[in-house]
Amino acid sequence: ELPGRVPSIGALGHNTGTCKPCAWNWKPGGCVNGTSCEFCHMCDRVELKLRRKQRVAVLRKAEREHKQRMARAGVVDEERVGEADSRGLNSSSLCATQLKDHANASNTARLAMTEFA
């Protein structure tokens, strides 16, 4: 049993700001978990968008800072950070592609070695 007018378990932290808004609460069908939902049903529609926007901003900032650290370390050319190459790949996807290519080459070499062993 929840105290007072608390509509969901997740809303218990609403007054202290430790809650997480329920994405389903404001949908036409509502939240199917009802009072047992671990997300807050007291937050309004705007709060969900604000929190998501804040989370995305923090993630983007962390990614930018990581790219700058990598550039300073000489892993990537600082002027090319975020820039697309001729294949349309930016420095992040280019690095991932190069790592994948390296792994594929390593696997091919391993296979070749086992064939001759």
PDB file of N, CA and C in Angstrom:
ATOM      1  N   GLU A   1       0.840  -1.191   0.000  1.00  0.00           N
ATOM      2  CA  GLU A   1       0.000   0.000   0.000  1.00  0.00           C
ATOM      3  C   GLU A   1       0.885   1.255   0.000  1.00  0.00           C
ATOM      4  N   LEU A   2       0.575   2.156  -0.899  1.00  0.00           N
ATOM      5  CA  LEU A   2       1.349   3.393  -1.016  1.00  0.00           C
ATOM      6  C   LEU A   2       0.770   4.485  -0.124  1.00  0.00           C
ATOM      7  N   PRO A   3       1.653   5.312   0.454  1.00  0.00           N
ATOM      8  CA  PRO A   3       1.177   6.386   1.338  1.00  0.00           C
ATOM      9  C   PRO A   3       0.491   7.517   0.569  1.00  0.00           C
ATOM     10  N   GLY A   4      -0.539   8.075   1.189  1.00  0.00           N
ATOM     11  CA  GLY A   4      -1.212   9.257   0.652  1.00  0.00           C
ATOM     12  C   GLY A   4      -1.668   9.131  -0.784  1.00  0.00           C
ATOM     13  N   ARG A   5      -1.367  10.153  -1.559  1.00  0.00           N
ATOM     14  CA  ARG A   5      -1.788  10.204  -2.961  1.00  0.00           C
ATOM     15  C   ARG A   5      -0.662   9.830  -3.918  1.00  0.00           C
ATOM     16  N   VAL A   6       0.211   8.973  -3.512  1.00  0.00           N
ATOM     17  CA  VAL A   6       1.321   8.557  -4.359  1.00  0.00           C
ATOM     18  C   VAL A   6       0.781   7.556  -5.391  1.00  0.00           C
ATOM     19  N   PRO A   7       0.822   7.905  -6.687  1.00  0.00           N
ATOM     20  CA  PRO A   7       0.214   7.064  -7.711  1.00  0.00           C
ATOM     21  C   PRO A   7       1.038   5.848  -8.152  1.00  0.00           C
ATOM     22  N   SER A   8       2.332   5.824  -7.831  1.00  0.00           N
ATOM     23  CA  SER A   8       3.169   4.689  -8.223  1.00  0.00           C
ATOM     24  C   SER A   8       4.364   4.579  -7.281  1.00  0.00           C
ATOM     25  N   ILE A   9       4.952   3.393  -7.226  1.00  0.00           N
ATOM     26  CA  ILE A   9       6.134   3.178  -6.383  1.00  0.00           C
ATOM     27  C   ILE A   9       7.244   4.145  -6.771  1.00  0.00           C
ATOM     28  N   GLY A  10       7.432   4.352  -8.070  1.00  0.00           N
ATOM     29  CA  GLY A  10       8.487   5.231  -8.560  1.00  0.00           C
ATOM     30  C   GLY A  10       8.293   6.682  -8.179  1.00  0.00           C
ATOM     31  N   ALA A  11       7.070   7.041  -7.785  1.00  0.00           N
ATOM     32  CA  ALA A  11       6.783   8.431  -7.402  1.00  0.00           C
ATOM     33  C   ALA A  11       7.198   8.740  -5.970  1.00  0.00           C
ATOM     34  N   LEU A  12       7.630   7.729  -5.227  1.00  0.00           N
ATOM     35  CA  LEU A  12       8.043   7.957  -3.838  1.00  0.00           C
ATOM     36  C   LEU A  12       9.200   8.947  -3.752  1.00  0.00           C
ATOM     37  N   GLY A  13      10.057   8.993  -4.759  1.00  0.00           N
ATOM     38  CA  GLY A  13      11.180   9.924  -4.760  1.00  0.00           C
ATOM     39  C   GLY A  13      10.881  11.241  -5.457  1.00  0.00           C
ATOM     40  N   HIS A  14       9.631  11.490  -5.798  1.00  0.00           N
ATOM     41  CA  HIS A  14       9.267  12.699  -6.557  1.00  0.00           C
ATOM     42  C   HIS A  14       9.618  13.987  -5.803  1.00  0.00           C
ATOM     43  N   ASN A  15       9.285  14.065  -4.541  1.00  0.00           N
ATOM     44  CA  ASN A  15       9.520  15.302  -3.768  1.00  0.00           C
ATOM     45  C   ASN A  15      10.999  15.576  -3.535  1.00  0.00           C
ATOM     46  N   THR A  16      11.834  14.551  -3.603  1.00  0.00           N
ATOM     47  CA  THR A  16      13.272  14.744  -3.398  1.00  0.00           C
ATOM     48  C   THR A  16      14.022  14.873  -4.719  1.00  0.00           C
ATOM     49  N   GLY A  17      13.311  14.701  -5.841  1.00  0.00           N
ATOM     50  CA  GLY A  17      13.936  14.833  -7.160  1.00  0.00           C
ATOM     51  C   GLY A  17      14.727  13.604  -7.581  1.00  0.00           C
ATOM     52  N   THR A  18      14.529  12.493  -6.894  1.00  0.00           N
ATOM     53  CA  THR A  18      15.257  11.270  -7.230  1.00  0.00           C
ATOM     54  C   THR A  18      14.433  10.321  -8.097  1.00  0.00           C
ATOM     55  N   CYS A  19      13.255  10.741  -8.507  1.00  0.00           N
ATOM     56  CA  CYS A  19      12.388   9.884  -9.322  1.00  0.00           C
ATOM     57  C   CYS A  19      12.799   9.927 -10.795  1.00  0.00           C
ATOM     58  N   LYS A  20      12.277   8.967 -11.529  1.00  0.00           N
ATOM     59  CA  LYS A  20      12.457   8.928 -12.984  1.00  0.00           C
ATOM     60  C   LYS A  20      11.061   8.911 -13.592  1.00  0.00           C
ATOM     61  N   PRO A  21      10.747   9.875 -14.469  1.00  0.00           N
ATOM     62  CA  PRO A  21       9.399   9.945 -15.036  1.00  0.00           C
ATOM     63  C   PRO A  21       9.030   8.707 -15.852  1.00  0.00           C
ATOM     64  N   CYS A  22       7.785   8.299 -15.754  1.00  0.00           N
ATOM     65  CA  CYS A  22       7.277   7.169 -16.523  1.00  0.00           C
ATOM     66  C   CYS A  22       6.927   7.645 -17.933  1.00  0.00           C
ATOM     67  N   ALA A  23       7.518   7.003 -18.936  1.00  0.00           N
ATOM     68  CA  ALA A  23       7.271   7.379 -20.328  1.00  0.00           C
ATOM     69  C   ALA A  23       5.877   6.950 -20.779  1.00  0.00           C
ATOM     70  N   TRP A  24       5.303   5.970 -20.113  1.00  0.00           N
ATOM     71  CA  TRP A  24       4.001   5.441 -20.537  1.00  0.00           C
ATOM     72  C   TRP A  24       2.831   6.120 -19.852  1.00  0.00           C
ATOM     73  N   ASN A  25       3.065   6.808 -18.754  1.00  0.00           N
ATOM     74  CA  ASN A  25       1.982   7.396 -17.984  1.00  0.00           C
ATOM     75  C   ASN A  25       1.124   8.356 -18.798  1.00  0.00           C
ATOM     76  N   TRP A  26       1.719   9.088 -19.713  1.00  0.00           N
ATOM     77  CA  TRP A  26       0.986  10.098 -20.473  1.00  0.00           C
ATOM     78  C   TRP A  26       0.538   9.622 -21.842  1.00  0.00           C
ATOM     79  N   LYS A  27       0.763   8.364 -22.162  1.00  0.00           N
ATOM     80  CA  LYS A  27       0.294   7.806 -23.434  1.00  0.00           C
ATOM     81  C   LYS A  27      -1.211   7.566 -23.334  1.00  0.00           C
ATOM     82  N   PRO A  28      -1.897   7.489 -24.477  1.00  0.00           N
ATOM     83  CA  PRO A  28      -3.357   7.269 -24.452  1.00  0.00           C
ATOM     84  C   PRO A  28      -3.772   6.031 -23.643  1.00  0.00           C
ATOM     85  N   GLY A  29      -3.010   4.942 -23.736  1.00  0.00           N
ATOM     86  CA  GLY A  29      -3.358   3.734 -22.995  1.00  0.00           C
ATOM     87  C   GLY A  29      -2.908   3.759 -21.552  1.00  0.00           C
ATOM     88  N   GLY A  30      -2.067   4.718 -21.197  1.00  0.00           N
ATOM     89  CA  GLY A  30      -1.547   4.829 -19.840  1.00  0.00           C
ATOM     90  C   GLY A  30      -0.509   3.765 -19.535  1.00  0.00           C
ATOM     91  N   CYS A  31      -0.068   3.745 -18.320  1.00  0.00           N
ATOM     92  CA  CYS A  31       0.942   2.784 -17.874  1.00  0.00           C
ATOM     93  C   CYS A  31       0.238   1.519 -17.379  1.00  0.00           C
ATOM     94  N   VAL A  32       0.596   0.384 -17.941  1.00  0.00           N
ATOM     95  CA  VAL A  32      -0.046  -0.880 -17.568  1.00  0.00           C
ATOM     96  C   VAL A  32       0.392  -1.373 -16.186  1.00  0.00           C
ATOM     97  N   ASN A  33       1.500  -0.833 -15.662  1.00  0.00           N
ATOM     98  CA  ASN A  33       1.993  -1.274 -14.366  1.00  0.00           C
ATOM     99  C   ASN A  33       1.271  -0.612 -13.194  1.00  0.00           C
ATOM    100  N   GLY A  34       0.577   0.488 -13.452  1.00  0.00           N
ATOM    101  CA  GLY A  34      -0.201   1.167 -12.417  1.00  0.00           C
ATOM    102  C   GLY A  34       0.618   1.546 -11.204  1.00  0.00           C
ATOM    103  N   THR A  35       0.099   1.249 -10.025  1.00  0.00           N
ATOM    104  CA  THR A  35       0.771   1.642  -8.786  1.00  0.00           C
ATOM    105  C   THR A  35       2.086   0.895  -8.564  1.00  0.00           C
ATOM    106  N   SER A  36       2.266  -0.257  -9.204  1.00  0.00           N
ATOM    107  CA  SER A  36       3.503  -1.017  -9.028  1.00  0.00           C
ATOM    108  C   SER A  36       4.616  -0.547  -9.984  1.00  0.00           C
ATOM    109  N   CYS A  37       4.361   0.475 -10.786  1.00  0.00           N
ATOM    110  CA  CYS A  37       5.355   1.006 -11.725  1.00  0.00           C
ATOM    111  C   CYS A  37       6.530   1.605 -10.947  1.00  0.00           C
ATOM    112  N   GLU A  38       7.745   1.266 -11.368  1.00  0.00           N
ATOM    113  CA  GLU A  38       8.939   1.770 -10.695  1.00  0.00           C
ATOM    114  C   GLU A  38       9.314   3.181 -11.159  1.00  0.00           C
ATOM    115  N   PHE A  39       8.513   3.758 -12.048  1.00  0.00           N
ATOM    116  CA  PHE A  39       8.758   5.104 -12.549  1.00  0.00           C
ATOM    117  C   PHE A  39       7.673   6.039 -12.020  1.00  0.00           C
ATOM    118  N   CYS A  40       7.997   7.313 -12.012  1.00  0.00           N
ATOM    119  CA  CYS A  40       7.132   8.317 -11.391  1.00  0.00           C
ATOM    120  C   CYS A  40       5.922   8.674 -12.249  1.00  0.00           C
ATOM    121  N   HIS A  41       4.749   8.593 -11.638  1.00  0.00           N
ATOM    122  CA  HIS A  41       3.515   8.995 -12.306  1.00  0.00           C
ATOM    123  C   HIS A  41       3.084  10.396 -11.861  1.00  0.00           C
ATOM    124  N   MET A  42       3.921  11.073 -11.075  1.00  0.00           N
ATOM    125  CA  MET A  42       3.604  12.434 -10.635  1.00  0.00           C
ATOM    126  C   MET A  42       4.255  13.488 -11.530  1.00  0.00           C
ATOM    127  N   CYS A  43       5.298  13.107 -12.246  1.00  0.00           N
ATOM    128  CA  CYS A  43       5.967  14.045 -13.153  1.00  0.00           C
ATOM    129  C   CYS A  43       5.040  14.355 -14.322  1.00  0.00           C
ATOM    130  N   ASP A  44       5.064  15.598 -14.763  1.00  0.00           N
ATOM    131  CA  ASP A  44       4.219  15.949 -15.909  1.00  0.00           C
ATOM    132  C   ASP A  44       4.908  15.584 -17.226  1.00  0.00           C
ATOM    133  N   ARG A  45       4.207  15.767 -18.313  1.00  0.00           N
ATOM    134  CA  ARG A  45       4.724  15.401 -19.645  1.00  0.00           C
ATOM    135  C   ARG A  45       6.033  16.110 -19.977  1.00  0.00           C
ATOM    136  N   VAL A  46       6.127  17.365 -19.599  1.00  0.00           N
ATOM    137  CA  VAL A  46       7.291  18.188 -19.915  1.00  0.00           C
ATOM    138  C   VAL A  46       8.550  17.649 -19.223  1.00  0.00           C
ATOM    139  N   GLU A  47       8.391  17.138 -18.006  1.00  0.00           N
ATOM    140  CA  GLU A  47       9.532  16.650 -17.235  1.00  0.00           C
ATOM    141  C   GLU A  47      10.248  15.501 -17.936  1.00  0.00           C
ATOM    142  N   LEU A  48       9.486  14.614 -18.555  1.00  0.00           N
ATOM    143  CA  LEU A  48      10.078  13.488 -19.280  1.00  0.00           C
ATOM    144  C   LEU A  48      10.971  13.999 -20.408  1.00  0.00           C
ATOM    145  N   LYS A  49      10.473  14.965 -21.177  1.00  0.00           N
ATOM    146  CA  LYS A  49      11.265  15.536 -22.279  1.00  0.00           C
ATOM    147  C   LYS A  49      12.495  16.269 -21.762  1.00  0.00           C
ATOM    148  N   LEU A  50      12.341  17.022 -20.681  1.00  0.00           N
ATOM    149  CA  LEU A  50      13.467  17.760 -20.115  1.00  0.00           C
ATOM    150  C   LEU A  50      14.567  16.821 -19.649  1.00  0.00           C
ATOM    151  N   ARG A  51      14.189  15.767 -18.948  1.00  0.00           N
ATOM    152  CA  ARG A  51      15.187  14.812 -18.444  1.00  0.00           C
ATOM    153  C   ARG A  51      15.896  14.104 -19.597  1.00  0.00           C
ATOM    154  N   ARG A  52      15.138  13.741 -20.625  1.00  0.00           N
ATOM    155  CA  ARG A  52      15.740  13.078 -21.791  1.00  0.00           C
ATOM    156  C   ARG A  52      16.713  14.031 -22.479  1.00  0.00           C
ATOM    157  N   LYS A  53      16.314  15.279 -22.619  1.00  0.00           N
ATOM    158  CA  LYS A  53      17.163  16.285 -23.249  1.00  0.00           C
ATOM    159  C   LYS A  53      18.456  16.494 -22.457  1.00  0.00           C
ATOM    160  N   GLN A  54      18.338  16.541 -21.133  1.00  0.00           N
ATOM    161  CA  GLN A  54      19.512  16.687 -20.277  1.00  0.00           C
ATOM    162  C   GLN A  54      20.441  15.486 -20.421  1.00  0.00           C
ATOM    163  N   ARG A  55      19.864  14.278 -20.441  1.00  0.00           N
ATOM    164  CA  ARG A  55      20.661  13.064 -20.552  1.00  0.00           C
ATOM    165  C   ARG A  55      21.422  13.032 -21.874  1.00  0.00           C
ATOM    166  N   VAL A  56      20.749  13.396 -22.963  1.00  0.00           N
ATOM    167  CA  VAL A  56      21.389  13.415 -24.279  1.00  0.00           C
ATOM    168  C   VAL A  56      22.508  14.462 -24.305  1.00  0.00           C
ATOM    169  N   ALA A  57      22.271  15.623 -23.704  1.00  0.00           N
ATOM    170  CA  ALA A  57      23.293  16.676 -23.671  1.00  0.00           C
ATOM    171  C   ALA A  57      24.528  16.201 -22.915  1.00  0.00           C
ATOM    172  N   VAL A  58      24.334  15.518 -21.798  1.00  0.00           N
ATOM    173  CA  VAL A  58      25.459  15.000 -21.017  1.00  0.00           C
ATOM    174  C   VAL A  58      26.233  13.965 -21.829  1.00  0.00           C
ATOM    175  N   LEU A  59      25.524  13.073 -22.512  1.00  0.00           N
ATOM    176  CA  LEU A  59      26.185  12.048 -23.325  1.00  0.00           C
ATOM    177  C   LEU A  59      26.968  12.664 -24.479  1.00  0.00           C
ATOM    178  N   ARG A  60      26.385  13.649 -25.131  1.00  0.00           N
ATOM    179  CA  ARG A  60      27.080  14.311 -26.250  1.00  0.00           C
ATOM    180  C   ARG A  60      28.329  15.044 -25.762  1.00  0.00           C
ATOM    181  N   LYS A  61      28.224  15.707 -24.605  1.00  0.00           N
ATOM    182  CA  LYS A  61      29.371  16.414 -24.056  1.00  0.00           C
ATOM    183  C   LYS A  61      30.490  15.425 -23.729  1.00  0.00           C
ATOM    184  N   ALA A  62      30.135  14.298 -23.131  1.00  0.00           N
ATOM    185  CA  ALA A  62      31.127  13.280 -22.791  1.00  0.00           C
ATOM    186  C   ALA A  62      31.794  12.738 -24.046  1.00  0.00           C
ATOM    187  N   GLU A  63      31.008  12.544 -25.108  1.00  0.00           N
ATOM    188  CA  GLU A  63      31.571  12.045 -26.367  1.00  0.00           C
ATOM    189  C   GLU A  63      32.537  13.064 -26.972  1.00  0.00           C
ATOM    190  N   ARG A  64      32.159  14.349 -26.946  1.00  0.00           N
ATOM    191  CA  ARG A  64      33.037  15.415 -27.456  1.00  0.00           C
ATOM    192  C   ARG A  64      34.348  15.454 -26.684  1.00  0.00           C
ATOM    193  N   GLU A  65      34.243  15.384 -25.351  1.00  0.00           N
ATOM    194  CA  GLU A  65      35.438  15.423 -24.509  1.00  0.00           C
ATOM    195  C   GLU A  65      36.325  14.210 -24.762  1.00  0.00           C
ATOM    196  N   HIS A  66      35.716  13.051 -24.961  1.00  0.00           N
ATOM    197  CA  HIS A  66      36.480  11.841 -25.256  1.00  0.00           C
ATOM    198  C   HIS A  66      37.234  11.999 -26.573  1.00  0.00           C
ATOM    199  N   LYS A  67      36.570  12.529 -27.583  1.00  0.00           N
ATOM    200  CA  LYS A  67      37.214  12.738 -28.886  1.00  0.00           C
ATOM    201  C   LYS A  67      38.375  13.723 -28.764  1.00  0.00           C
ATOM    202  N   GLN A  68      38.193  14.760 -27.950  1.00  0.00           N
ATOM    203  CA  GLN A  68      39.261  15.741 -27.763  1.00  0.00           C
ATOM    204  C   GLN A  68      40.453  15.121 -27.038  1.00  0.00           C
ATOM    205  N   ARG A  69      40.168  14.281 -26.022  1.00  0.00           N
ATOM    206  CA  ARG A  69      41.262  13.593 -25.323  1.00  0.00           C
ATOM    207  C   ARG A  69      42.011  12.664 -26.275  1.00  0.00           C
ATOM    208  N   MET A  70      41.266  11.950 -27.114  1.00  0.00           N
ATOM    209  CA  MET A  70      41.885  11.042 -28.079  1.00  0.00           C
ATOM    210  C   MET A  70      42.749  11.828 -29.065  1.00  0.00           C
ATOM    211  N   ALA A  71      42.268  12.997 -29.474  1.00  0.00           N
ATOM    212  CA  ALA A  71      43.022  13.826 -30.413  1.00  0.00           C
ATOM    213  C   ALA A  71      44.304  14.334 -29.765  1.00  0.00           C
ATOM    214  N   ARG A  72      44.204  14.768 -28.498  1.00  0.00           N
ATOM    215  CA  ARG A  72      45.391  15.247 -27.791  1.00  0.00           C
ATOM    216  C   ARG A  72      46.406  14.126 -27.584  1.00  0.00           C
ATOM    217  N   ALA A  73      45.911  12.916 -27.438  1.00  0.00           N
ATOM    218  CA  ALA A  73      46.797  11.764 -27.237  1.00  0.00           C
ATOM    219  C   ALA A  73      47.408  11.300 -28.561  1.00  0.00           C
ATOM    220  N   GLY A  74      46.946  11.886 -29.652  1.00  0.00           N
ATOM    221  CA  GLY A  74      47.495  11.540 -30.953  1.00  0.00           C
ATOM    222  C   GLY A  74      46.858  10.333 -31.595  1.00  0.00           C
ATOM    223  N   VAL A  75      45.759   9.852 -31.026  1.00  0.00           N
ATOM    224  CA  VAL A  75      45.067   8.697 -31.590  1.00  0.00           C
ATOM    225  C   VAL A  75      44.376   9.074 -32.889  1.00  0.00           C
ATOM    226  N   VAL A  76      43.807  10.286 -32.925  1.00  0.00           N
ATOM    227  CA  VAL A  76      43.172  10.797 -34.141  1.00  0.00           C
ATOM    228  C   VAL A  76      43.649  12.217 -34.377  1.00  0.00           C
ATOM    229  N   ASP A  77      43.590  12.669 -35.586  1.00  0.00           N
ATOM    230  CA  ASP A  77      43.975  14.026 -35.954  1.00  0.00           C
ATOM    231  C   ASP A  77      42.914  14.982 -35.423  1.00  0.00           C
ATOM    232  N   GLU A  78      43.297  15.924 -34.550  1.00  0.00           N
ATOM    233  CA  GLU A  78      42.351  16.828 -33.903  1.00  0.00           C
ATOM    234  C   GLU A  78      41.512  17.612 -34.898  1.00  0.00           C
ATOM    235  N   GLU A  79      42.079  17.976 -36.022  1.00  0.00           N
ATOM    236  CA  GLU A  79      41.339  18.750 -37.012  1.00  0.00           C
ATOM    237  C   GLU A  79      40.266  17.913 -37.691  1.00  0.00           C
ATOM    238  N   ARG A  80      40.414  16.589 -37.643  1.00  0.00           N
ATOM    239  CA  ARG A  80      39.457  15.708 -38.309  1.00  0.00           C
ATOM    240  C   ARG A  80      38.392  15.162 -37.373  1.00  0.00           C
ATOM    241  N   VAL A  81      38.448  15.508 -36.083  1.00  0.00           N
ATOM    242  CA  VAL A  81      37.468  14.991 -35.133  1.00  0.00           C
ATOM    243  C   VAL A  81      36.075  15.419 -35.569  1.00  0.00           C
ATOM    244  N   GLY A  82      35.215  14.441 -35.798  1.00  0.00           N
ATOM    245  CA  GLY A  82      33.850  14.711 -36.220  1.00  0.00           C
ATOM    246  C   GLY A  82      33.701  14.948 -37.705  1.00  0.00           C
ATOM    247  N   GLU A  83      34.802  15.023 -38.433  1.00  0.00           N
ATOM    248  CA  GLU A  83      34.764  15.295 -39.868  1.00  0.00           C
ATOM    249  C   GLU A  83      34.546  13.996 -40.629  1.00  0.00           C
ATOM    250  N   ALA A  84      33.795  14.033 -41.712  1.00  0.00           N
ATOM    251  CA  ALA A  84      33.535  12.832 -42.504  1.00  0.00           C
ATOM    252  C   ALA A  84      34.639  12.627 -43.526  1.00  0.00           C
ATOM    253  N   ASP A  85      34.979  11.365 -43.794  1.00  0.00           N
ATOM    254  CA  ASP A  85      35.969  11.079 -44.827  1.00  0.00           C
ATOM    255  C   ASP A  85      35.258  10.831 -46.162  1.00  0.00           C
ATOM    256  N   SER A  86      35.991  10.382 -47.169  1.00  0.00           N
ATOM    257  CA  SER A  86      35.415  10.205 -48.497  1.00  0.00           C
ATOM    258  C   SER A  86      34.312   9.150 -48.528  1.00  0.00           C
ATOM    259  N   ARG A  87      34.306   8.240 -47.544  1.00  0.00           N
ATOM    260  CA  ARG A  87      33.256   7.216 -47.488  1.00  0.00           C
ATOM    261  C   ARG A  87      32.061   7.681 -46.653  1.00  0.00           C
ATOM    262  N   GLY A  88      32.121   8.908 -46.136  1.00  0.00           N
ATOM    263  CA  GLY A  88      31.032   9.435 -45.320  1.00  0.00           C
ATOM    264  C   GLY A  88      31.120   9.000 -43.867  1.00  0.00           C
ATOM    265  N   LEU A  89      32.276   8.488 -43.462  1.00  0.00           N
ATOM    266  CA  LEU A  89      32.455   8.053 -42.081  1.00  0.00           C
ATOM    267  C   LEU A  89      33.110   9.158 -41.271  1.00  0.00           C
ATOM    268  N   ASN A  90      32.592   9.422 -40.060  1.00  0.00           N
ATOM    269  CA  ASN A  90      33.266  10.405 -39.214  1.00  0.00           C
ATOM    270  C   ASN A  90      34.362   9.700 -38.432  1.00  0.00           C
ATOM    271  N   SER A  91      35.107  10.429 -37.622  1.00  0.00           N
ATOM    272  CA  SER A  91      36.263   9.844 -36.954  1.00  0.00           C
ATOM    273  C   SER A  91      35.870   8.690 -36.031  1.00  0.00           C
ATOM    274  N   SER A  92      34.699   8.765 -35.401  1.00  0.00           N
ATOM    275  CA  SER A  92      34.270   7.682 -34.518  1.00  0.00           C
ATOM    276  C   SER A  92      33.970   6.420 -35.307  1.00  0.00           C
ATOM    277  N   SER A  93      33.176   6.572 -36.374  1.00  0.00           N
ATOM    278  CA  SER A  93      32.830   5.387 -37.152  1.00  0.00           C
ATOM    279  C   SER A  93      34.043   4.882 -37.920  1.00  0.00           C
ATOM    280  N   LEU A  94      34.941   5.788 -38.290  1.00  0.00           N
ATOM    281  CA  LEU A  94      36.155   5.383 -38.991  1.00  0.00           C
ATOM    282  C   LEU A  94      37.022   4.532 -38.071  1.00  0.00           C
ATOM    283  N   CYS A  95      37.141   4.941 -36.823  1.00  0.00           N
ATOM    284  CA  CYS A  95      37.915   4.177 -35.850  1.00  0.00           C
ATOM    285  C   CYS A  95      37.288   2.799 -35.658  1.00  0.00           C
ATOM    286  N   ALA A  96      35.962   2.752 -35.533  1.00  0.00           N
ATOM    287  CA  ALA A  96      35.269   1.473 -35.363  1.00  0.00           C
ATOM    288  C   ALA A  96      35.472   0.591 -36.581  1.00  0.00           C
ATOM    289  N   THR A  97      35.433   1.192 -37.779  1.00  0.00           N
ATOM    290  CA  THR A  97      35.638   0.436 -39.014  1.00  0.00           C
ATOM    291  C   THR A  97      37.049  -0.116 -39.066  1.00  0.00           C
ATOM    292  N   GLN A  98      38.024   0.704 -38.677  1.00  0.00           N
ATOM    293  CA  GLN A  98      39.411   0.249 -38.697  1.00  0.00           C
ATOM    294  C   GLN A  98      39.627  -0.882 -37.699  1.00  0.00           C
ATOM    295  N   LEU A  99      39.011  -0.787 -36.521  1.00  0.00           N
ATOM    296  CA  LEU A  99      39.133  -1.853 -35.536  1.00  0.00           C
ATOM    297  C   LEU A  99      38.501  -3.139 -36.055  1.00  0.00           C
ATOM    298  N   LYS A 100      37.337  -3.003 -36.713  1.00  0.00           N
ATOM    299  CA  LYS A 100      36.656  -4.165 -37.280  1.00  0.00           C
ATOM    300  C   LYS A 100      37.507  -4.779 -38.387  1.00  0.00           C
ATOM    301  N   ASP A 101      38.090  -3.920 -39.250  1.00  0.00           N
ATOM    302  CA  ASP A 101      38.955  -4.410 -40.327  1.00  0.00           C
ATOM    303  C   ASP A 101      40.161  -5.144 -39.752  1.00  0.00           C
ATOM    304  N   HIS A 102      40.713  -4.594 -38.654  1.00  0.00           N
ATOM    305  CA  HIS A 102      41.861  -5.226 -38.008  1.00  0.00           C
ATOM    306  C   HIS A 102      41.471  -6.597 -37.458  1.00  0.00           C
ATOM    307  N   ALA A 103      40.305  -6.665 -36.815  1.00  0.00           N
ATOM    308  CA  ALA A 103      39.836  -7.934 -36.259  1.00  0.00           C
ATOM    309  C   ALA A 103      39.609  -8.949 -37.372  1.00  0.00           C
ATOM    310  N   ASN A 104      39.015  -8.504 -38.484  1.00  0.00           N
ATOM    311  CA  ASN A 104      38.786  -9.403 -39.623  1.00  0.00           C
ATOM    312  C   ASN A 104      40.110  -9.901 -40.189  1.00  0.00           C
ATOM    313  N   ALA A 105      41.093  -9.008 -40.283  1.00  0.00           N
ATOM    314  CA  ALA A 105      42.408  -9.399 -40.804  1.00  0.00           C
ATOM    315  C   ALA A 105      43.071 -10.399 -39.861  1.00  0.00           C
ATOM    316  N   SER A 106      42.926 -10.175 -38.553  1.00  0.00           N
ATOM    317  CA  SER A 106      43.493 -11.097 -37.572  1.00  0.00           C
ATOM    318  C   SER A 106      42.845 -12.467 -37.678  1.00  0.00           C
ATOM    319  N   ASN A 107      41.527 -12.490 -37.839  1.00  0.00           N
ATOM    320  CA  ASN A 107      40.816 -13.762 -37.978  1.00  0.00           C
ATOM    321  C   ASN A 107      41.225 -14.479 -39.248  1.00  0.00           C
ATOM    322  N   THR A 108      41.379 -13.734 -40.340  1.00  0.00           N
ATOM    323  CA  THR A 108      41.812 -14.318 -41.602  1.00  0.00           C
ATOM    324  C   THR A 108      43.203 -14.914 -41.461  1.00  0.00           C
ATOM    325  N   ALA A 109      44.092 -14.194 -40.786  1.00  0.00           N
ATOM    326  CA  ALA A 109      45.458 -14.681 -40.573  1.00  0.00           C
ATOM    327  C   ALA A 109      45.440 -15.944 -39.722  1.00  0.00           C
ATOM    328  N   ARG A 110      44.605 -15.962 -38.671  1.00  0.00           N
ATOM    329  CA  ARG A 110      44.498 -17.142 -37.825  1.00  0.00           C
ATOM    330  C   ARG A 110      44.006 -18.355 -38.620  1.00  0.00           C
ATOM    331  N   LEU A 111      42.999 -18.136 -39.471  1.00  0.00           N
ATOM    332  CA  LEU A 111      42.469 -19.214 -40.292  1.00  0.00           C
ATOM    333  C   LEU A 111      43.544 -19.742 -41.251  1.00  0.00           C
ATOM    334  N   ALA A 112      44.274 -18.817 -41.833  1.00  0.00           N
ATOM    335  CA  ALA A 112      45.332 -19.202 -42.772  1.00  0.00           C
ATOM    336  C   ALA A 112      46.397 -20.023 -42.058  1.00  0.00           C
ATOM    337  N   MET A 113      46.720 -19.655 -40.840  1.00  0.00           N
ATOM    338  CA  MET A 113      47.741 -20.359 -40.067  1.00  0.00           C
ATOM    339  C   MET A 113      47.273 -21.783 -39.723  1.00  0.00           C
ATOM    340  N   THR A 114      45.993 -21.936 -39.417  1.00  0.00           N
ATOM    341  CA  THR A 114      45.491 -23.261 -39.065  1.00  0.00           C
ATOM    342  C   THR A 114      45.436 -24.168 -40.291  1.00  0.00           C
ATOM    343  N   GLU A 115      45.237 -23.592 -41.471  1.00  0.00           N
ATOM    344  CA  GLU A 115      45.201 -24.389 -42.695  1.00  0.00           C
ATOM    345  C   GLU A 115      46.572 -24.971 -43.015  1.00  0.00           C
ATOM    346  N   PHE A 116      47.626 -24.239 -42.677  1.00  0.00           N
ATOM    347  CA  PHE A 116      48.980 -24.700 -43.004  1.00  0.00           C
ATOM    348  C   PHE A 116      49.606 -25.481 -41.866  1.00  0.00           C
ATOM    349  N   ALA A 117      48.954 -25.555 -40.744  1.00  0.00           N
ATOM    350  CA  ALA A 117      49.534 -26.265 -39.593  1.00  0.00           C
ATOM    351  C   ALA A 117      49.332 -27.755 -39.699  1.00  0.00           C
TER     352      ALA A 117
END
